[in-house]
């Protein structure tokens, strides 16, 4: 969390593991600020005409990450967007660099238990490891990604036990 203050016009970029509240907080921020909310994953699905699990099954994670990098570059070239990134967008430094160039990155965090309870029934996300229990997968992936999220983030927003309004308030304070 290195940069402070926000100089607009620029983008608000939400990063974090799936189930940390990026989509929900993004909708609230978009309504409050009157800015468009865009989702990197939704845009990839729209362009590919397939769900994320179908893309990954047919072409693999590397292809998905290539599509994600293209979408990150395109979104980051615009102003006044709320960008809801996929949880793995930070795995490529090129994505972080382009998103930071014209945006402020907010890392939404939550405990493993909170994440598991929020996404336990989500069938639109393929397994990231393919071999472990649901909770073990979350723990393993977070162990790898947490340092990357921390390095990328300008601000950290915990969402455990957060109502939408409290999460929005935390973001609003960071933006103001």
C-alpha atoms as a PDB file:
ATOM      1  CA  UNK A   1       0.000   0.000   0.000  1.00  0.00           C
ATOM      2  CA  UNK A   2       2.408   2.608  -1.209  1.00  0.00           C
ATOM      3  CA  UNK A   3       0.507   5.348  -3.026  1.00  0.00           C
ATOM      4  CA  UNK A   4      -1.654   7.770  -1.090  1.00  0.00           C
ATOM      5  CA  UNK A   5      -4.285  10.172  -2.315  1.00  0.00           C
ATOM      6  CA  UNK A   6      -6.211   9.831  -5.542  1.00  0.00           C
ATOM      7  CA  UNK A   7      -5.987  12.191  -8.480  1.00  0.00           C
ATOM      8  CA  UNK A   8      -9.004  11.870 -10.766  1.00  0.00           C
ATOM      9  CA  UNK A   9      -9.702  11.131 -13.562  1.00  0.00           C
ATOM     10  CA  UNK A  10      -8.475   7.614 -13.098  1.00  0.00           C
ATOM     11  CA  UNK A  11      -9.872   4.200 -12.325  1.00  0.00           C
ATOM     12  CA  UNK A  12     -10.720   2.409  -9.122  1.00  0.00           C
ATOM     13  CA  UNK A  13      -9.398  -1.130  -9.405  1.00  0.00           C
ATOM     14  CA  UNK A  14     -10.641  -3.874  -7.082  1.00  0.00           C
ATOM     15  CA  UNK A  15      -8.261  -6.783  -6.564  1.00  0.00           C
ATOM     16  CA  UNK A  16      -8.475  -9.814  -4.309  1.00  0.00           C
ATOM     17  CA  UNK A  17      -9.339 -13.472  -4.175  1.00  0.00           C
ATOM     18  CA  UNK A  18     -12.760 -14.543  -5.380  1.00  0.00           C
ATOM     19  CA  UNK A  19     -15.404 -14.154  -2.688  1.00  0.00           C
ATOM     20  CA  UNK A  20     -13.830 -11.109  -1.028  1.00  0.00           C
ATOM     21  CA  UNK A  21     -16.613  -8.804  -2.219  1.00  0.00           C
ATOM     22  CA  UNK A  22     -15.165  -7.163  -5.325  1.00  0.00           C
ATOM     23  CA  UNK A  23     -18.347  -7.472  -7.407  1.00  0.00           C
ATOM     24  CA  UNK A  24     -20.627  -6.370  -4.589  1.00  0.00           C
ATOM     25  CA  UNK A  25     -18.487  -3.406  -3.543  1.00  0.00           C
ATOM     26  CA  UNK A  26     -17.971  -2.515  -7.204  1.00  0.00           C
ATOM     27  CA  UNK A  27     -21.723  -2.254  -7.791  1.00  0.00           C
ATOM     28  CA  UNK A  28     -22.154   0.020  -4.786  1.00  0.00           C
ATOM     29  CA  UNK A  29     -19.226   2.250  -5.792  1.00  0.00           C
ATOM     30  CA  UNK A  30     -20.429   2.465  -9.397  1.00  0.00           C
ATOM     31  CA  UNK A  31     -23.891   3.544  -8.241  1.00  0.00           C
ATOM     32  CA  UNK A  32     -22.487   6.070  -5.792  1.00  0.00           C
ATOM     33  CA  UNK A  33     -19.912   7.602  -8.151  1.00  0.00           C
ATOM     34  CA  UNK A  34     -21.927   7.241 -11.348  1.00  0.00           C
ATOM     35  CA  UNK A  35     -19.029   5.419 -13.014  1.00  0.00           C
ATOM     36  CA  UNK A  36     -19.353   2.285 -15.131  1.00  0.00           C
ATOM     37  CA  UNK A  37     -18.502  -1.008 -13.440  1.00  0.00           C
ATOM     38  CA  UNK A  38     -16.545  -3.381 -15.651  1.00  0.00           C
ATOM     39  CA  UNK A  39     -15.474  -6.913 -14.833  1.00  0.00           C
ATOM     40  CA  UNK A  40     -12.420  -8.469 -16.434  1.00  0.00           C
ATOM     41  CA  UNK A  41     -13.911 -11.958 -16.095  1.00  0.00           C
ATOM     42  CA  UNK A  42     -17.300 -10.914 -17.512  1.00  0.00           C
ATOM     43  CA  UNK A  43     -15.588  -9.248 -20.468  1.00  0.00           C
ATOM     44  CA  UNK A  44     -13.505 -12.362 -21.155  1.00  0.00           C
ATOM     45  CA  UNK A  45     -16.658 -14.514 -21.049  1.00  0.00           C
ATOM     46  CA  UNK A  46     -18.487 -12.083 -23.346  1.00  0.00           C
ATOM     47  CA  UNK A  47     -15.687 -12.058 -25.919  1.00  0.00           C
ATOM     48  CA  UNK A  48     -15.074 -15.806 -25.820  1.00  0.00           C
ATOM     49  CA  UNK A  49     -18.745 -16.725 -25.844  1.00  0.00           C
ATOM     50  CA  UNK A  50     -17.953 -19.338 -23.180  1.00  0.00           C
ATOM     51  CA  UNK A  51     -17.899 -19.560 -19.406  1.00  0.00           C
ATOM     52  CA  UNK A  52     -14.609 -19.404 -17.513  1.00  0.00           C
ATOM     53  CA  UNK A  53     -14.687 -23.184 -16.835  1.00  0.00           C
ATOM     54  CA  UNK A  54     -15.248 -23.835 -20.553  1.00  0.00           C
ATOM     55  CA  UNK A  55     -12.396 -21.534 -21.582  1.00  0.00           C
ATOM     56  CA  UNK A  56     -10.025 -23.181 -19.100  1.00  0.00           C
ATOM     57  CA  UNK A  57     -11.134 -26.718 -20.039  1.00  0.00           C
ATOM     58  CA  UNK A  58     -10.718 -26.081 -23.760  1.00  0.00           C
ATOM     59  CA  UNK A  59      -7.630 -23.863 -23.803  1.00  0.00           C
ATOM     60  CA  UNK A  60      -6.005 -23.952 -20.340  1.00  0.00           C
ATOM     61  CA  UNK A  61      -5.196 -21.343 -17.732  1.00  0.00           C
ATOM     62  CA  UNK A  62      -2.379 -19.741 -19.751  1.00  0.00           C
ATOM     63  CA  UNK A  63      -4.799 -18.873 -22.569  1.00  0.00           C
ATOM     64  CA  UNK A  64      -7.272 -17.484 -20.042  1.00  0.00           C
ATOM     65  CA  UNK A  65      -4.488 -15.342 -18.511  1.00  0.00           C
ATOM     66  CA  UNK A  66      -3.593 -14.052 -22.004  1.00  0.00           C
ATOM     67  CA  UNK A  67      -7.199 -12.968 -22.534  1.00  0.00           C
ATOM     68  CA  UNK A  68      -7.196 -11.386 -19.080  1.00  0.00           C
ATOM     69  CA  UNK A  69      -4.039  -9.387 -19.867  1.00  0.00           C
ATOM     70  CA  UNK A  70      -5.624  -8.014 -23.036  1.00  0.00           C
ATOM     71  CA  UNK A  71      -8.746  -6.932 -21.150  1.00  0.00           C
ATOM     72  CA  UNK A  72      -6.685  -5.360 -18.336  1.00  0.00           C
ATOM     73  CA  UNK A  73      -4.722  -3.298 -20.884  1.00  0.00           C
ATOM     74  CA  UNK A  74      -7.899  -2.127 -22.602  1.00  0.00           C
ATOM     75  CA  UNK A  75      -9.759  -1.216 -19.419  1.00  0.00           C
ATOM     76  CA  UNK A  76      -6.743   0.555 -17.936  1.00  0.00           C
ATOM     77  CA  UNK A  77      -6.535   2.834 -20.989  1.00  0.00           C
ATOM     78  CA  UNK A  78      -9.906   4.350 -20.023  1.00  0.00           C
ATOM     79  CA  UNK A  79     -10.869   6.785 -17.246  1.00  0.00           C
ATOM     80  CA  UNK A  80     -13.393   6.730 -14.440  1.00  0.00           C
ATOM     81  CA  UNK A  81     -14.113   3.033 -14.394  1.00  0.00           C
ATOM     82  CA  UNK A  82     -14.647   0.729 -11.459  1.00  0.00           C
ATOM     83  CA  UNK A  83     -12.652  -2.328 -12.546  1.00  0.00           C
ATOM     84  CA  UNK A  84     -13.537  -5.625 -10.863  1.00  0.00           C
ATOM     85  CA  UNK A  85     -10.571  -7.857 -11.645  1.00  0.00           C
ATOM     86  CA  UNK A  86     -10.449 -11.618 -11.581  1.00  0.00           C
ATOM     87  CA  UNK A  87      -8.652 -12.999  -8.549  1.00  0.00           C
ATOM     88  CA  UNK A  88      -5.616 -14.021 -10.579  1.00  0.00           C
ATOM     89  CA  UNK A  89      -5.112 -10.761 -12.483  1.00  0.00           C
ATOM     90  CA  UNK A  90      -2.205  -9.906 -10.177  1.00  0.00           C
ATOM     91  CA  UNK A  91      -0.308 -13.044 -11.174  1.00  0.00           C
ATOM     92  CA  UNK A  92       1.127 -11.186 -14.158  1.00  0.00           C
ATOM     93  CA  UNK A  93       3.179  -8.111 -13.358  1.00  0.00           C
ATOM     94  CA  UNK A  94       2.166  -6.605 -16.714  1.00  0.00           C
ATOM     95  CA  UNK A  95      -1.464  -6.522 -15.512  1.00  0.00           C
ATOM     96  CA  UNK A  96      -0.528  -4.806 -12.265  1.00  0.00           C
ATOM     97  CA  UNK A  97       1.635  -2.266 -14.098  1.00  0.00           C
ATOM     98  CA  UNK A  98      -1.048  -1.263 -16.584  1.00  0.00           C
ATOM     99  CA  UNK A  99      -3.814  -1.146 -13.955  1.00  0.00           C
ATOM    100  CA  UNK A 100      -1.661   1.032 -11.662  1.00  0.00           C
ATOM    101  CA  UNK A 101      -0.704   3.378 -14.493  1.00  0.00           C
ATOM    102  CA  UNK A 102      -4.181   4.885 -14.500  1.00  0.00           C
ATOM    103  CA  UNK A 103      -5.767   3.502 -11.367  1.00  0.00           C
ATOM    104  CA  UNK A 104      -5.711   3.050  -7.639  1.00  0.00           C
ATOM    105  CA  UNK A 105      -5.735  -0.578  -6.522  1.00  0.00           C
ATOM    106  CA  UNK A 106      -7.867  -1.627  -3.572  1.00  0.00           C
ATOM    107  CA  UNK A 107      -7.158  -5.111  -2.211  1.00  0.00           C
ATOM    108  CA  UNK A 108     -10.304  -6.588  -0.689  1.00  0.00           C
ATOM    109  CA  UNK A 109      -9.429  -9.256   1.855  1.00  0.00           C
ATOM    110  CA  UNK A 110     -11.349 -11.904   3.784  1.00  0.00           C
ATOM    111  CA  UNK A 111     -10.526 -14.947   5.877  1.00  0.00           C
ATOM    112  CA  UNK A 112     -10.503 -18.430   4.372  1.00  0.00           C
ATOM    113  CA  UNK A 113     -13.707 -19.238   6.294  1.00  0.00           C
ATOM    114  CA  UNK A 114     -15.470 -16.142   4.941  1.00  0.00           C
ATOM    115  CA  UNK A 115     -14.343 -16.855   1.382  1.00  0.00           C
ATOM    116  CA  UNK A 116     -15.448 -20.492   1.631  1.00  0.00           C
ATOM    117  CA  UNK A 117     -18.883 -19.496   2.911  1.00  0.00           C
ATOM    118  CA  UNK A 118     -19.317 -16.882   0.174  1.00  0.00           C
ATOM    119  CA  UNK A 119     -18.259 -18.994  -2.828  1.00  0.00           C
ATOM    120  CA  UNK A 120     -19.012 -22.531  -1.705  1.00  0.00           C
ATOM    121  CA  UNK A 121     -21.770 -23.051  -4.266  1.00  0.00           C
ATOM    122  CA  UNK A 122     -20.180 -21.188  -7.187  1.00  0.00           C
ATOM    123  CA  UNK A 123     -20.068 -23.513 -10.198  1.00  0.00           C
ATOM    124  CA  UNK A 124     -18.747 -20.862 -12.592  1.00  0.00           C
ATOM    125  CA  UNK A 125     -15.205 -21.047 -11.268  1.00  0.00           C
ATOM    126  CA  UNK A 126     -12.996 -24.000 -12.114  1.00  0.00           C
ATOM    127  CA  UNK A 127     -10.664 -25.452  -9.533  1.00  0.00           C
ATOM    128  CA  UNK A 128      -7.351 -23.639  -9.440  1.00  0.00           C
ATOM    129  CA  UNK A 129      -5.349 -26.626  -8.211  1.00  0.00           C
ATOM    130  CA  UNK A 130      -7.545 -29.527  -9.313  1.00  0.00           C
ATOM    131  CA  UNK A 131      -6.505 -31.877  -6.537  1.00  0.00           C
ATOM    132  CA  UNK A 132      -7.399 -30.505  -3.130  1.00  0.00           C
ATOM    133  CA  UNK A 133     -10.418 -29.947  -0.954  1.00  0.00           C
ATOM    134  CA  UNK A 134     -12.168 -26.624  -1.393  1.00  0.00           C
ATOM    135  CA  UNK A 135     -10.713 -25.074   1.783  1.00  0.00           C
ATOM    136  CA  UNK A 136      -7.214 -26.472   1.129  1.00  0.00           C
ATOM    137  CA  UNK A 137      -7.305 -24.939  -2.336  1.00  0.00           C
ATOM    138  CA  UNK A 138      -8.239 -21.517  -0.954  1.00  0.00           C
ATOM    139  CA  UNK A 139      -5.417 -21.746   1.606  1.00  0.00           C
ATOM    140  CA  UNK A 140      -2.837 -22.815  -0.977  1.00  0.00           C
ATOM    141  CA  UNK A 141      -3.801 -20.222  -3.563  1.00  0.00           C
ATOM    142  CA  UNK A 142      -3.903 -17.439  -0.974  1.00  0.00           C
ATOM    143  CA  UNK A 143      -0.440 -18.445   0.265  1.00  0.00           C
ATOM    144  CA  UNK A 144       0.890 -17.813  -3.246  1.00  0.00           C
ATOM    145  CA  UNK A 145      -1.196 -14.747  -4.072  1.00  0.00           C
ATOM    146  CA  UNK A 146      -1.181 -12.803  -0.798  1.00  0.00           C
ATOM    147  CA  UNK A 147       2.316 -11.345  -1.295  1.00  0.00           C
ATOM    148  CA  UNK A 148       1.354 -10.372  -4.848  1.00  0.00           C
ATOM    149  CA  UNK A 149      -1.863  -8.690  -3.691  1.00  0.00           C
ATOM    150  CA  UNK A 150       0.052  -6.872  -0.952  1.00  0.00           C
ATOM    151  CA  UNK A 151       2.686  -5.635  -3.396  1.00  0.00           C
ATOM    152  CA  UNK A 152       0.088  -4.446  -5.913  1.00  0.00           C
ATOM    153  CA  UNK A 153      -2.293  -2.765  -3.457  1.00  0.00           C
ATOM    154  CA  UNK A 154      -2.459   0.934  -2.800  1.00  0.00           C
ATOM    155  CA  UNK A 155      -5.070   0.333  -0.090  1.00  0.00           C
ATOM    156  CA  UNK A 156      -6.202  -2.753   1.824  1.00  0.00           C
ATOM    157  CA  UNK A 157      -9.891  -3.197   2.672  1.00  0.00           C
ATOM    158  CA  UNK A 158     -10.822  -6.102   4.994  1.00  0.00           C
ATOM    159  CA  UNK A 159     -14.327  -7.385   4.236  1.00  0.00           C
ATOM    160  CA  UNK A 160     -14.794 -10.027   6.953  1.00  0.00           C
ATOM    161  CA  UNK A 161     -18.069  -9.368   8.748  1.00  0.00           C
ATOM    162  CA  UNK A 162     -18.592  -6.309   6.588  1.00  0.00           C
ATOM    163  CA  UNK A 163     -21.928  -5.058   5.466  1.00  0.00           C
ATOM    164  CA  UNK A 164     -21.972  -3.523   2.016  1.00  0.00           C
ATOM    165  CA  UNK A 165     -22.248  -0.077   3.537  1.00  0.00           C
ATOM    166  CA  UNK A 166     -19.256  -0.594   5.841  1.00  0.00           C
ATOM    167  CA  UNK A 167     -17.129  -1.871   2.941  1.00  0.00           C
ATOM    168  CA  UNK A 168     -18.175   1.091   0.829  1.00  0.00           C
ATOM    169  CA  UNK A 169     -17.372   3.458   3.708  1.00  0.00           C
ATOM    170  CA  UNK A 170     -13.866   1.997   4.066  1.00  0.00           C
ATOM    171  CA  UNK A 171     -13.263   2.480   0.343  1.00  0.00           C
ATOM    172  CA  UNK A 172     -14.792   5.954   0.367  1.00  0.00           C
ATOM    173  CA  UNK A 173     -12.441   7.020   3.182  1.00  0.00           C
ATOM    174  CA  UNK A 174      -9.460   5.734   1.232  1.00  0.00           C
ATOM    175  CA  UNK A 175     -10.578   7.554  -1.916  1.00  0.00           C
ATOM    176  CA  UNK A 176     -11.403  10.851  -0.232  1.00  0.00           C
END
